[in-house]
């Protein structure tokens, strides 16, 4: 007798707070980073502006929200697997250099357009 096949399990539903945390680090954080990067690229004043502070505060917030998603909300990867601290570490190690390259690039654009 063969064992009946069970359908692949989907991640358990998270509450509203878990959903907001995930939307924060996945969608809103990246949107704010892109918008502030655009603002920095058009900035003609002093090297470090409010947009720079918002950019880096948002970058830190994305990392913290991803941590909260994994550590407190039993977060999942995009493929539906339970996320671990190894996922958070990989996200952080990849995210910070990308944010830094974006930030430096838009400052170069702003400097050259003066």
PDB file of N, CA and C in Angstrom:
ATOM      1  N   UNK A   1       0.826  -1.178   0.000  1.00  0.00           N
ATOM      2  CA  UNK A   1       0.000   0.000   0.000  1.00  0.00           C
ATOM      3  C   UNK A   1       0.874   1.247   0.000  1.00  0.00           C
ATOM      4  N   UNK A   2       0.541   2.134  -0.886  1.00  0.00           N
ATOM      5  CA  UNK A   2       1.336   3.355  -0.954  1.00  0.00           C
ATOM      6  C   UNK A   2       0.708   4.424  -0.068  1.00  0.00           C
ATOM      7  N   UNK A   3       1.584   5.286   0.368  1.00  0.00           N
ATOM      8  CA  UNK A   3       1.171   6.390   1.226  1.00  0.00           C
ATOM      9  C   UNK A   3       0.508   7.465   0.367  1.00  0.00           C
ATOM     10  N   UNK A   4      -0.634   7.995   0.795  1.00  0.00           N
ATOM     11  CA  UNK A   4      -1.263   9.057  -0.012  1.00  0.00           C
ATOM     12  C   UNK A   4      -0.368  10.288  -0.052  1.00  0.00           C
ATOM     13  N   UNK A   5      -0.333  10.895  -1.217  1.00  0.00           N
ATOM     14  CA  UNK A   5       0.477  12.101  -1.374  1.00  0.00           C
ATOM     15  C   UNK A   5      -0.189  13.266  -0.660  1.00  0.00           C
ATOM     16  N   UNK A   6       0.631  14.012   0.037  1.00  0.00           N
ATOM     17  CA  UNK A   6       0.113  15.208   0.699  1.00  0.00           C
ATOM     18  C   UNK A   6       0.511  16.412  -0.132  1.00  0.00           C
ATOM     19  N   UNK A   7      -0.373  17.374  -0.223  1.00  0.00           N
ATOM     20  CA  UNK A   7      -0.022  18.562  -1.003  1.00  0.00           C
ATOM     21  C   UNK A   7       1.113  19.308  -0.314  1.00  0.00           C
ATOM     22  N   UNK A   8       1.926  20.013  -1.099  1.00  0.00           N
ATOM     23  CA  UNK A   8       3.014  20.773  -0.484  1.00  0.00           C
ATOM     24  C   UNK A   8       2.443  21.768   0.508  1.00  0.00           C
ATOM     25  N   UNK A   9       3.099  21.837   1.639  1.00  0.00           N
ATOM     26  CA  UNK A   9       2.590  22.733   2.673  1.00  0.00           C
ATOM     27  C   UNK A   9       2.972  24.170   2.350  1.00  0.00           C
ATOM     28  N   UNK A  10       2.065  25.037   2.631  1.00  0.00           N
ATOM     29  CA  UNK A  10       2.347  26.455   2.443  1.00  0.00           C
ATOM     30  C   UNK A  10       2.659  27.038   3.805  1.00  0.00           C
ATOM     31  N   UNK A  11       3.392  28.143   3.832  1.00  0.00           N
ATOM     32  CA  UNK A  11       3.725  28.731   5.120  1.00  0.00           C
ATOM     33  C   UNK A  11       2.459  29.141   5.864  1.00  0.00           C
ATOM     34  N   UNK A  12       2.483  29.010   7.185  1.00  0.00           N
ATOM     35  CA  UNK A  12       1.308  29.427   7.928  1.00  0.00           C
ATOM     36  C   UNK A  12       1.079  30.921   7.771  1.00  0.00           C
ATOM     37  N   UNK A  13      -0.165  31.343   7.774  1.00  0.00           N
ATOM     38  CA  UNK A  13      -0.425  32.772   7.604  1.00  0.00           C
ATOM     39  C   UNK A  13       0.111  33.571   8.786  1.00  0.00           C
ATOM     40  N   UNK A  14       0.645  34.736   8.478  1.00  0.00           N
ATOM     41  CA  UNK A  14       1.115  35.622   9.535  1.00  0.00           C
ATOM     42  C   UNK A  14       0.053  36.679   9.788  1.00  0.00           C
ATOM     43  N   UNK A  15       0.116  37.267  10.937  1.00  0.00           N
ATOM     44  CA  UNK A  15      -0.833  38.314  11.268  1.00  0.00           C
ATOM     45  C   UNK A  15      -0.526  39.588  10.499  1.00  0.00           C
ATOM     46  N   UNK A  16      -1.302  40.600  10.774  1.00  0.00           N
ATOM     47  CA  UNK A  16      -1.129  41.888  10.102  1.00  0.00           C
ATOM     48  C   UNK A  16       0.256  42.462  10.374  1.00  0.00           C
ATOM     49  N   UNK A  17       0.741  42.338  11.607  1.00  0.00           N
ATOM     50  CA  UNK A  17       2.061  42.895  11.919  1.00  0.00           C
ATOM     51  C   UNK A  17       3.153  42.190  11.126  1.00  0.00           C
ATOM     52  N   UNK A  18       3.054  40.865  10.981  1.00  0.00           N
ATOM     53  CA  UNK A  18       4.030  40.136  10.180  1.00  0.00           C
ATOM     54  C   UNK A  18       3.988  40.550   8.724  1.00  0.00           C
ATOM     55  N   UNK A  19       2.801  40.775   8.225  1.00  0.00           N
ATOM     56  CA  UNK A  19       2.633  41.216   6.842  1.00  0.00           C
ATOM     57  C   UNK A  19       3.247  42.607   6.650  1.00  0.00           C
ATOM     58  N   UNK A  20       3.007  43.506   7.588  1.00  0.00           N
ATOM     59  CA  UNK A  20       3.552  44.862   7.489  1.00  0.00           C
ATOM     60  C   UNK A  20       5.075  44.860   7.564  1.00  0.00           C
ATOM     61  N   UNK A  21       5.625  43.997   8.423  1.00  0.00           N
ATOM     62  CA  UNK A  21       7.083  43.897   8.521  1.00  0.00           C
ATOM     63  C   UNK A  21       7.658  43.430   7.193  1.00  0.00           C
ATOM     64  N   UNK A  22       7.040  42.413   6.602  1.00  0.00           N
ATOM     65  CA  UNK A  22       7.532  41.900   5.319  1.00  0.00           C
ATOM     66  C   UNK A  22       7.391  42.926   4.201  1.00  0.00           C
ATOM     67  N   UNK A  23       6.278  43.616   4.155  1.00  0.00           N
ATOM     68  CA  UNK A  23       6.096  44.664   3.145  1.00  0.00           C
ATOM     69  C   UNK A  23       7.117  45.774   3.368  1.00  0.00           C
ATOM     70  N   UNK A  24       7.425  46.045   4.625  1.00  0.00           N
ATOM     71  CA  UNK A  24       8.400  47.091   4.943  1.00  0.00           C
ATOM     72  C   UNK A  24       9.772  46.809   4.379  1.00  0.00           C
ATOM     73  N   UNK A  25      10.314  45.612   4.640  1.00  0.00           N
ATOM     74  CA  UNK A  25      11.678  45.351   4.173  1.00  0.00           C
ATOM     75  C   UNK A  25      11.723  44.956   2.702  1.00  0.00           C
ATOM     76  N   UNK A  26      10.656  44.376   2.181  1.00  0.00           N
ATOM     77  CA  UNK A  26      10.683  43.942   0.785  1.00  0.00           C
ATOM     78  C   UNK A  26      10.335  45.053  -0.195  1.00  0.00           C
ATOM     79  N   UNK A  27       9.324  45.837   0.124  1.00  0.00           N
ATOM     80  CA  UNK A  27       8.769  46.771  -0.854  1.00  0.00           C
ATOM     81  C   UNK A  27       9.018  48.227  -0.479  1.00  0.00           C
ATOM     82  N   UNK A  28       8.497  48.643   0.648  1.00  0.00           N
ATOM     83  CA  UNK A  28       8.574  50.059   1.016  1.00  0.00           C
ATOM     84  C   UNK A  28      10.010  50.528   1.203  1.00  0.00           C
ATOM     85  N   UNK A  29      10.811  49.730   1.885  1.00  0.00           N
ATOM     86  CA  UNK A  29      12.198  50.122   2.114  1.00  0.00           C
ATOM     87  C   UNK A  29      12.949  50.346   0.816  1.00  0.00           C
ATOM     88  N   UNK A  30      12.798  49.418  -0.105  1.00  0.00           N
ATOM     89  CA  UNK A  30      13.494  49.554  -1.393  1.00  0.00           C
ATOM     90  C   UNK A  30      12.956  50.732  -2.194  1.00  0.00           C
ATOM     91  N   UNK A  31      11.663  50.982  -2.122  1.00  0.00           N
ATOM     92  CA  UNK A  31      11.085  52.134  -2.831  1.00  0.00           C
ATOM     93  C   UNK A  31      11.630  53.439  -2.263  1.00  0.00           C
ATOM     94  N   UNK A  32      11.709  53.535  -0.938  1.00  0.00           N
ATOM     95  CA  UNK A  32      12.246  54.753  -0.314  1.00  0.00           C
ATOM     96  C   UNK A  32      13.717  54.924  -0.686  1.00  0.00           C
ATOM     97  N   UNK A  33      14.466  53.830  -0.716  1.00  0.00           N
ATOM     98  CA  UNK A  33      15.877  53.928  -1.113  1.00  0.00           C
ATOM     99  C   UNK A  33      16.018  54.480  -2.530  1.00  0.00           C
ATOM    100  N   UNK A  34      15.209  53.995  -3.440  1.00  0.00           N
ATOM    101  CA  UNK A  34      15.291  54.469  -4.822  1.00  0.00           C
ATOM    102  C   UNK A  34      14.864  55.929  -4.940  1.00  0.00           C
ATOM    103  N   UNK A  35      13.816  56.307  -4.222  1.00  0.00           N
ATOM    104  CA  UNK A  35      13.359  57.701  -4.276  1.00  0.00           C
ATOM    105  C   UNK A  35      14.384  58.651  -3.664  1.00  0.00           C
ATOM    106  N   UNK A  36      14.981  58.258  -2.545  1.00  0.00           N
ATOM    107  CA  UNK A  36      15.987  59.136  -1.943  1.00  0.00           C
ATOM    108  C   UNK A  36      17.261  59.152  -2.787  1.00  0.00           C
ATOM    109  N   UNK A  37      17.576  58.043  -3.445  1.00  0.00           N
ATOM    110  CA  UNK A  37      18.729  58.038  -4.351  1.00  0.00           C
ATOM    111  C   UNK A  37      18.504  59.027  -5.496  1.00  0.00           C
ATOM    112  N   UNK A  38      17.292  59.052  -6.029  1.00  0.00           N
ATOM    113  CA  UNK A  38      16.974  60.019  -7.087  1.00  0.00           C
ATOM    114  C   UNK A  38      17.103  61.440  -6.565  1.00  0.00           C
ATOM    115  N   UNK A  39      16.654  61.676  -5.351  1.00  0.00           N
ATOM    116  CA  UNK A  39      16.759  63.004  -4.749  1.00  0.00           C
ATOM    117  C   UNK A  39      18.221  63.398  -4.549  1.00  0.00           C
ATOM    118  N   UNK A  40      19.037  62.460  -4.096  1.00  0.00           N
ATOM    119  CA  UNK A  40      20.466  62.738  -3.897  1.00  0.00           C
ATOM    120  C   UNK A  40      21.119  63.081  -5.224  1.00  0.00           C
ATOM    121  N   UNK A  41      20.755  62.388  -6.285  1.00  0.00           N
ATOM    122  CA  UNK A  41      21.386  62.629  -7.590  1.00  0.00           C
ATOM    123  C   UNK A  41      21.084  64.019  -8.131  1.00  0.00           C
ATOM    124  N   UNK A  42      20.005  64.633  -7.658  1.00  0.00           N
ATOM    125  CA  UNK A  42      19.642  65.978  -8.119  1.00  0.00           C
ATOM    126  C   UNK A  42      20.064  67.063  -7.140  1.00  0.00           C
ATOM    127  N   UNK A  43      20.680  66.672  -6.034  1.00  0.00           N
ATOM    128  CA  UNK A  43      21.053  67.621  -4.987  1.00  0.00           C
ATOM    129  C   UNK A  43      22.282  68.420  -5.401  1.00  0.00           C
ATOM    130  N   UNK A  44      22.215  69.712  -5.242  1.00  0.00           N
ATOM    131  CA  UNK A  44      23.311  70.594  -5.673  1.00  0.00           C
ATOM    132  C   UNK A  44      24.063  71.203  -4.495  1.00  0.00           C
ATOM    133  N   UNK A  45      23.628  70.957  -3.291  1.00  0.00           N
ATOM    134  CA  UNK A  45      24.229  71.606  -2.136  1.00  0.00           C
ATOM    135  C   UNK A  45      25.351  70.809  -1.510  1.00  0.00           C
ATOM    136  N   UNK A  46      25.443  70.915  -0.197  1.00  0.00           N
ATOM    137  CA  UNK A  46      26.460  70.248   0.596  1.00  0.00           C
ATOM    138  C   UNK A  46      26.429  68.747   0.336  1.00  0.00           C
ATOM    139  N   UNK A  47      27.563  68.087   0.520  1.00  0.00           N
ATOM    140  CA  UNK A  47      27.707  66.658   0.208  1.00  0.00           C
ATOM    141  C   UNK A  47      26.664  65.790   0.913  1.00  0.00           C
ATOM    142  N   UNK A  48      26.478  65.992   2.211  1.00  0.00           N
ATOM    143  CA  UNK A  48      25.548  65.148   2.974  1.00  0.00           C
ATOM    144  C   UNK A  48      24.278  65.944   3.257  1.00  0.00           C
ATOM    145  N   UNK A  49      23.157  65.465   2.745  1.00  0.00           N
ATOM    146  CA  UNK A  49      21.884  66.169   2.900  1.00  0.00           C
ATOM    147  C   UNK A  49      20.903  65.322   3.714  1.00  0.00           C
ATOM    148  N   UNK A  50      19.717  65.849   3.897  1.00  0.00           N
ATOM    149  CA  UNK A  50      18.659  65.085   4.565  1.00  0.00           C
ATOM    150  C   UNK A  50      18.347  63.793   3.822  1.00  0.00           C
ATOM    151  N   UNK A  51      18.412  63.856   2.508  1.00  0.00           N
ATOM    152  CA  UNK A  51      18.146  62.655   1.706  1.00  0.00           C
ATOM    153  C   UNK A  51      19.150  61.548   2.022  1.00  0.00           C
ATOM    154  N   UNK A  52      20.393  61.936   2.284  1.00  0.00           N
ATOM    155  CA  UNK A  52      21.404  60.937   2.661  1.00  0.00           C
ATOM    156  C   UNK A  52      21.050  60.286   3.997  1.00  0.00           C
ATOM    157  N   UNK A  53      20.621  61.096   4.945  1.00  0.00           N
ATOM    158  CA  UNK A  53      20.227  60.559   6.247  1.00  0.00           C
ATOM    159  C   UNK A  53      19.024  59.626   6.108  1.00  0.00           C
ATOM    160  N   UNK A  54      18.068  60.019   5.293  1.00  0.00           N
ATOM    161  CA  UNK A  54      16.892  59.167   5.063  1.00  0.00           C
ATOM    162  C   UNK A  54      17.306  57.879   4.370  1.00  0.00           C
ATOM    163  N   UNK A  55      18.212  57.979   3.398  1.00  0.00           N
ATOM    164  CA  UNK A  55      18.694  56.807   2.669  1.00  0.00           C
ATOM    165  C   UNK A  55      19.286  55.787   3.638  1.00  0.00           C
ATOM    166  N   UNK A  56      20.220  56.224   4.486  1.00  0.00           N
ATOM    167  CA  UNK A  56      20.889  55.279   5.382  1.00  0.00           C
ATOM    168  C   UNK A  56      19.992  54.828   6.527  1.00  0.00           C
ATOM    169  N   UNK A  57      19.099  55.679   6.988  1.00  0.00           N
ATOM    170  CA  UNK A  57      18.135  55.246   8.012  1.00  0.00           C
ATOM    171  C   UNK A  57      17.216  54.167   7.437  1.00  0.00           C
ATOM    172  N   UNK A  58      16.831  54.322   6.187  1.00  0.00           N
ATOM    173  CA  UNK A  58      15.982  53.324   5.529  1.00  0.00           C
ATOM    174  C   UNK A  58      16.742  52.023   5.322  1.00  0.00           C
ATOM    175  N   UNK A  59      18.010  52.114   4.940  1.00  0.00           N
ATOM    176  CA  UNK A  59      18.823  50.909   4.759  1.00  0.00           C
ATOM    177  C   UNK A  59      18.927  50.130   6.067  1.00  0.00           C
ATOM    178  N   UNK A  60      19.186  50.836   7.152  1.00  0.00           N
ATOM    179  CA  UNK A  60      19.256  50.181   8.467  1.00  0.00           C
ATOM    180  C   UNK A  60      17.891  49.603   8.834  1.00  0.00           C
ATOM    181  N   UNK A  61      16.824  50.342   8.556  1.00  0.00           N
ATOM    182  CA  UNK A  61      15.470  49.863   8.874  1.00  0.00           C
ATOM    183  C   UNK A  61      15.145  48.581   8.107  1.00  0.00           C
ATOM    184  N   UNK A  62      15.568  48.489   6.849  1.00  0.00           N
ATOM    185  CA  UNK A  62      15.331  47.263   6.065  1.00  0.00           C
ATOM    186  C   UNK A  62      16.010  46.070   6.723  1.00  0.00           C
ATOM    187  N   UNK A  63      17.244  46.253   7.168  1.00  0.00           N
ATOM    188  CA  UNK A  63      17.989  45.169   7.808  1.00  0.00           C
ATOM    189  C   UNK A  63      17.328  44.778   9.129  1.00  0.00           C
ATOM    190  N   UNK A  64      16.923  45.763   9.909  1.00  0.00           N
ATOM    191  CA  UNK A  64      16.260  45.486  11.190  1.00  0.00           C
ATOM    192  C   UNK A  64      14.913  44.799  10.965  1.00  0.00           C
ATOM    193  N   UNK A  65      14.150  45.266   9.988  1.00  0.00           N
ATOM    194  CA  UNK A  65      12.853  44.638   9.708  1.00  0.00           C
ATOM    195  C   UNK A  65      13.014  43.205   9.235  1.00  0.00           C
ATOM    196  N   UNK A  66      14.037  42.931   8.444  1.00  0.00           N
ATOM    197  CA  UNK A  66      14.280  41.548   8.019  1.00  0.00           C
ATOM    198  C   UNK A  66      14.637  40.690   9.221  1.00  0.00           C
ATOM    199  N   UNK A  67      15.425  41.239  10.147  1.00  0.00           N
ATOM    200  CA  UNK A  67      15.771  40.518  11.377  1.00  0.00           C
ATOM    201  C   UNK A  67      14.517  40.211  12.194  1.00  0.00           C
ATOM    202  N   UNK A  68      13.663  41.214  12.360  1.00  0.00           N
ATOM    203  CA  UNK A  68      12.417  41.023  13.114  1.00  0.00           C
ATOM    204  C   UNK A  68      11.541  39.982  12.435  1.00  0.00           C
ATOM    205  N   UNK A  69      11.483  40.022  11.125  1.00  0.00           N
ATOM    206  CA  UNK A  69      10.686  39.058  10.383  1.00  0.00           C
ATOM    207  C   UNK A  69      11.136  37.631  10.673  1.00  0.00           C
ATOM    208  N   UNK A  70      12.441  37.428  10.754  1.00  0.00           N
ATOM    209  CA  UNK A  70      12.967  36.082  10.984  1.00  0.00           C
ATOM    210  C   UNK A  70      12.918  35.709  12.465  1.00  0.00           C
ATOM    211  N   UNK A  71      13.414  36.590  13.316  1.00  0.00           N
ATOM    212  CA  UNK A  71      13.574  36.252  14.732  1.00  0.00           C
ATOM    213  C   UNK A  71      12.272  36.267  15.518  1.00  0.00           C
ATOM    214  N   UNK A  72      11.377  37.164  15.204  1.00  0.00           N
ATOM    215  CA  UNK A  72      10.166  37.324  16.012  1.00  0.00           C
ATOM    216  C   UNK A  72       8.887  36.854  15.327  1.00  0.00           C
ATOM    217  N   UNK A  73       8.875  36.861  14.003  1.00  0.00           N
ATOM    218  CA  UNK A  73       7.641  36.563  13.272  1.00  0.00           C
ATOM    219  C   UNK A  73       7.715  35.256  12.487  1.00  0.00           C
ATOM    220  N   UNK A  74       8.738  34.461  12.737  1.00  0.00           N
ATOM    221  CA  UNK A  74       8.932  33.193  12.030  1.00  0.00           C
ATOM    222  C   UNK A  74       8.806  33.389  10.513  1.00  0.00           C
ATOM    223  N   UNK A  75       9.596  34.311   9.993  1.00  0.00           N
ATOM    224  CA  UNK A  75       9.523  34.675   8.587  1.00  0.00           C
ATOM    225  C   UNK A  75       9.906  33.544   7.654  1.00  0.00           C
ATOM    226  N   UNK A  76       9.535  33.706   6.426  1.00  0.00           N
ATOM    227  CA  UNK A  76       9.801  32.729   5.385  1.00  0.00           C
ATOM    228  C   UNK A  76      10.573  33.370   4.249  1.00  0.00           C
ATOM    229  N   UNK A  77      11.259  32.522   3.488  1.00  0.00           N
ATOM    230  CA  UNK A  77      11.926  32.993   2.284  1.00  0.00           C
ATOM    231  C   UNK A  77      10.871  33.159   1.197  1.00  0.00           C
ATOM    232  N   UNK A  78      11.264  33.739   0.084  1.00  0.00           N
ATOM    233  CA  UNK A  78      10.323  33.909  -1.021  1.00  0.00           C
ATOM    234  C   UNK A  78       9.876  32.571  -1.597  1.00  0.00           C
ATOM    235  N   UNK A  79      10.687  31.526  -1.403  1.00  0.00           N
ATOM    236  CA  UNK A  79      10.314  30.200  -1.893  1.00  0.00           C
ATOM    237  C   UNK A  79       9.466  29.427  -0.893  1.00  0.00           C
ATOM    238  N   UNK A  80       9.125  30.033   0.249  1.00  0.00           N
ATOM    239  CA  UNK A  80       8.230  29.408   1.212  1.00  0.00           C
ATOM    240  C   UNK A  80       8.907  28.597   2.298  1.00  0.00           C
ATOM    241  N   UNK A  81      10.231  28.581   2.327  1.00  0.00           N
ATOM    242  CA  UNK A  81      10.956  27.864   3.370  1.00  0.00           C
ATOM    243  C   UNK A  81      11.060  28.755   4.608  1.00  0.00           C
ATOM    244  N   UNK A  82      11.132  28.153   5.796  1.00  0.00           N
ATOM    245  CA  UNK A  82      11.352  28.975   6.990  1.00  0.00           C
ATOM    246  C   UNK A  82      12.710  29.677   6.903  1.00  0.00           C
ATOM    247  N   UNK A  83      12.722  30.957   7.148  1.00  0.00           N
ATOM    248  CA  UNK A  83      13.962  31.732   7.085  1.00  0.00           C
ATOM    249  C   UNK A  83      14.747  31.539   8.379  1.00  0.00           C
ATOM    250  N   UNK A  84      16.059  31.546   8.252  1.00  0.00           N
ATOM    251  CA  UNK A  84      16.944  31.383   9.402  1.00  0.00           C
ATOM    252  C   UNK A  84      17.848  32.616   9.503  1.00  0.00           C
ATOM    253  N   UNK A  85      18.636  32.652  10.557  1.00  0.00           N
ATOM    254  CA  UNK A  85      19.581  33.751  10.715  1.00  0.00           C
ATOM    255  C   UNK A  85      20.627  33.738   9.599  1.00  0.00           C
ATOM    256  N   UNK A  86      20.868  32.580   9.020  1.00  0.00           N
ATOM    257  CA  UNK A  86      21.775  32.506   7.865  1.00  0.00           C
ATOM    258  C   UNK A  86      21.199  33.308   6.702  1.00  0.00           C
ATOM    259  N   UNK A  87      19.885  33.251   6.517  1.00  0.00           N
ATOM    260  CA  UNK A  87      19.237  34.073   5.470  1.00  0.00           C
ATOM    261  C   UNK A  87      19.384  35.561   5.777  1.00  0.00           C
ATOM    262  N   UNK A  88      19.221  35.918   7.054  1.00  0.00           N
ATOM    263  CA  UNK A  88      19.357  37.318   7.444  1.00  0.00           C
ATOM    264  C   UNK A  88      20.784  37.798   7.193  1.00  0.00           C
ATOM    265  N   UNK A  89      21.751  36.976   7.570  1.00  0.00           N
ATOM    266  CA  UNK A  89      23.144  37.353   7.382  1.00  0.00           C
ATOM    267  C   UNK A  89      23.456  37.534   5.898  1.00  0.00           C
ATOM    268  N   UNK A  90      22.990  36.619   5.067  1.00  0.00           N
ATOM    269  CA  UNK A  90      23.214  36.711   3.620  1.00  0.00           C
ATOM    270  C   UNK A  90      22.549  37.975   3.066  1.00  0.00           C
ATOM    271  N   UNK A  91      21.324  38.252   3.504  1.00  0.00           N
ATOM    272  CA  UNK A  91      20.616  39.466   3.071  1.00  0.00           C
ATOM    273  C   UNK A  91      21.435  40.701   3.437  1.00  0.00           C
ATOM    274  N   UNK A  92      21.927  40.745   4.665  1.00  0.00           N
ATOM    275  CA  UNK A  92      22.678  41.905   5.142  1.00  0.00           C
ATOM    276  C   UNK A  92      23.984  42.071   4.371  1.00  0.00           C
ATOM    277  N   UNK A  93      24.720  40.979   4.175  1.00  0.00           N
ATOM    278  CA  UNK A  93      26.008  41.037   3.498  1.00  0.00           C
ATOM    279  C   UNK A  93      25.858  41.451   2.032  1.00  0.00           C
ATOM    280  N   UNK A  94      24.758  41.127   1.425  1.00  0.00           N
ATOM    281  CA  UNK A  94      24.516  41.530   0.031  1.00  0.00           C
ATOM    282  C   UNK A  94      23.909  42.926  -0.035  1.00  0.00           C
ATOM    283  N   UNK A  95      22.989  43.235   0.885  1.00  0.00           N
ATOM    284  CA  UNK A  95      22.252  44.499   0.857  1.00  0.00           C
ATOM    285  C   UNK A  95      23.153  45.711   1.098  1.00  0.00           C
ATOM    286  N   UNK A  96      24.043  45.634   2.080  1.00  0.00           N
ATOM    287  CA  UNK A  96      24.874  46.791   2.430  1.00  0.00           C
ATOM    288  C   UNK A  96      25.784  47.216   1.269  1.00  0.00           C
ATOM    289  N   UNK A  97      26.520  46.301   0.631  1.00  0.00           N
ATOM    290  CA  UNK A  97      27.339  46.760  -0.508  1.00  0.00           C
ATOM    291  C   UNK A  97      26.519  47.323  -1.666  1.00  0.00           C
ATOM    292  N   UNK A  98      25.350  46.750  -1.913  1.00  0.00           N
ATOM    293  CA  UNK A  98      24.503  47.279  -2.989  1.00  0.00           C
ATOM    294  C   UNK A  98      24.047  48.692  -2.644  1.00  0.00           C
ATOM    295  N   UNK A  99      23.632  48.902  -1.396  1.00  0.00           N
ATOM    296  CA  UNK A  99      23.214  50.244  -0.968  1.00  0.00           C
ATOM    297  C   UNK A  99      24.378  51.219  -1.047  1.00  0.00           C
ATOM    298  N   UNK A 100      25.562  50.776  -0.664  1.00  0.00           N
ATOM    299  CA  UNK A 100      26.743  51.643  -0.712  1.00  0.00           C
ATOM    300  C   UNK A 100      27.098  52.021  -2.148  1.00  0.00           C
ATOM    301  N   UNK A 101      27.067  51.055  -3.048  1.00  0.00           N
ATOM    302  CA  UNK A 101      27.359  51.336  -4.461  1.00  0.00           C
ATOM    303  C   UNK A 101      26.319  52.302  -5.033  1.00  0.00           C
ATOM    304  N   UNK A 102      25.052  52.093  -4.724  1.00  0.00           N
ATOM    305  CA  UNK A 102      23.997  52.995  -5.187  1.00  0.00           C
ATOM    306  C   UNK A 102      24.230  54.405  -4.658  1.00  0.00           C
ATOM    307  N   UNK A 103      24.537  54.524  -3.373  1.00  0.00           N
ATOM    308  CA  UNK A 103      24.743  55.822  -2.729  1.00  0.00           C
ATOM    309  C   UNK A 103      25.938  56.556  -3.347  1.00  0.00           C
ATOM    310  N   UNK A 104      27.038  55.849  -3.520  1.00  0.00           N
ATOM    311  CA  UNK A 104      28.226  56.471  -4.125  1.00  0.00           C
ATOM    312  C   UNK A 104      27.929  56.868  -5.571  1.00  0.00           C
ATOM    313  N   UNK A 105      27.236  56.015  -6.299  1.00  0.00           N
ATOM    314  CA  UNK A 105      26.911  56.302  -7.698  1.00  0.00           C
ATOM    315  C   UNK A 105      26.073  57.562  -7.846  1.00  0.00           C
ATOM    316  N   UNK A 106      25.061  57.708  -7.012  1.00  0.00           N
ATOM    317  CA  UNK A 106      24.213  58.898  -7.145  1.00  0.00           C
ATOM    318  C   UNK A 106      24.949  60.150  -6.702  1.00  0.00           C
ATOM    319  N   UNK A 107      25.908  60.010  -5.784  1.00  0.00           N
ATOM    320  CA  UNK A 107      26.724  61.175  -5.430  1.00  0.00           C
ATOM    321  C   UNK A 107      27.651  61.557  -6.576  1.00  0.00           C
ATOM    322  N   UNK A 108      28.164  60.586  -7.285  1.00  0.00           N
ATOM    323  CA  UNK A 108      28.999  60.873  -8.462  1.00  0.00           C
ATOM    324  C   UNK A 108      28.164  61.579  -9.531  1.00  0.00           C
ATOM    325  N   UNK A 109      26.965  61.099  -9.741  1.00  0.00           N
ATOM    326  CA  UNK A 109      26.051  61.739 -10.709  1.00  0.00           C
ATOM    327  C   UNK A 109      25.769  63.172 -10.290  1.00  0.00           C
ATOM    328  N   UNK A 110      25.480  63.383  -8.997  1.00  0.00           N
ATOM    329  CA  UNK A 110      25.189  64.733  -8.511  1.00  0.00           C
ATOM    330  C   UNK A 110      26.409  65.647  -8.679  1.00  0.00           C
ATOM    331  N   UNK A 111      27.592  65.121  -8.392  1.00  0.00           N
ATOM    332  CA  UNK A 111      28.818  65.934  -8.500  1.00  0.00           C
ATOM    333  C   UNK A 111      29.082  66.314  -9.956  1.00  0.00           C
ATOM    334  N   UNK A 112      28.885  65.361 -10.872  1.00  0.00           N
ATOM    335  CA  UNK A 112      29.179  65.642 -12.276  1.00  0.00           C
ATOM    336  C   UNK A 112      28.141  66.563 -12.927  1.00  0.00           C
ATOM    337  N   UNK A 113      26.972  66.656 -12.352  1.00  0.00           N
ATOM    338  CA  UNK A 113      25.943  67.498 -12.956  1.00  0.00           C
ATOM    339  C   UNK A 113      25.970  68.925 -12.428  1.00  0.00           C
ATOM    340  N   UNK A 114      26.914  69.248 -11.580  1.00  0.00           N
ATOM    341  CA  UNK A 114      27.015  70.611 -11.045  1.00  0.00           C
ATOM    342  C   UNK A 114      27.571  71.554 -12.069  1.00  0.00           C
TER     343      UNK A 114
END
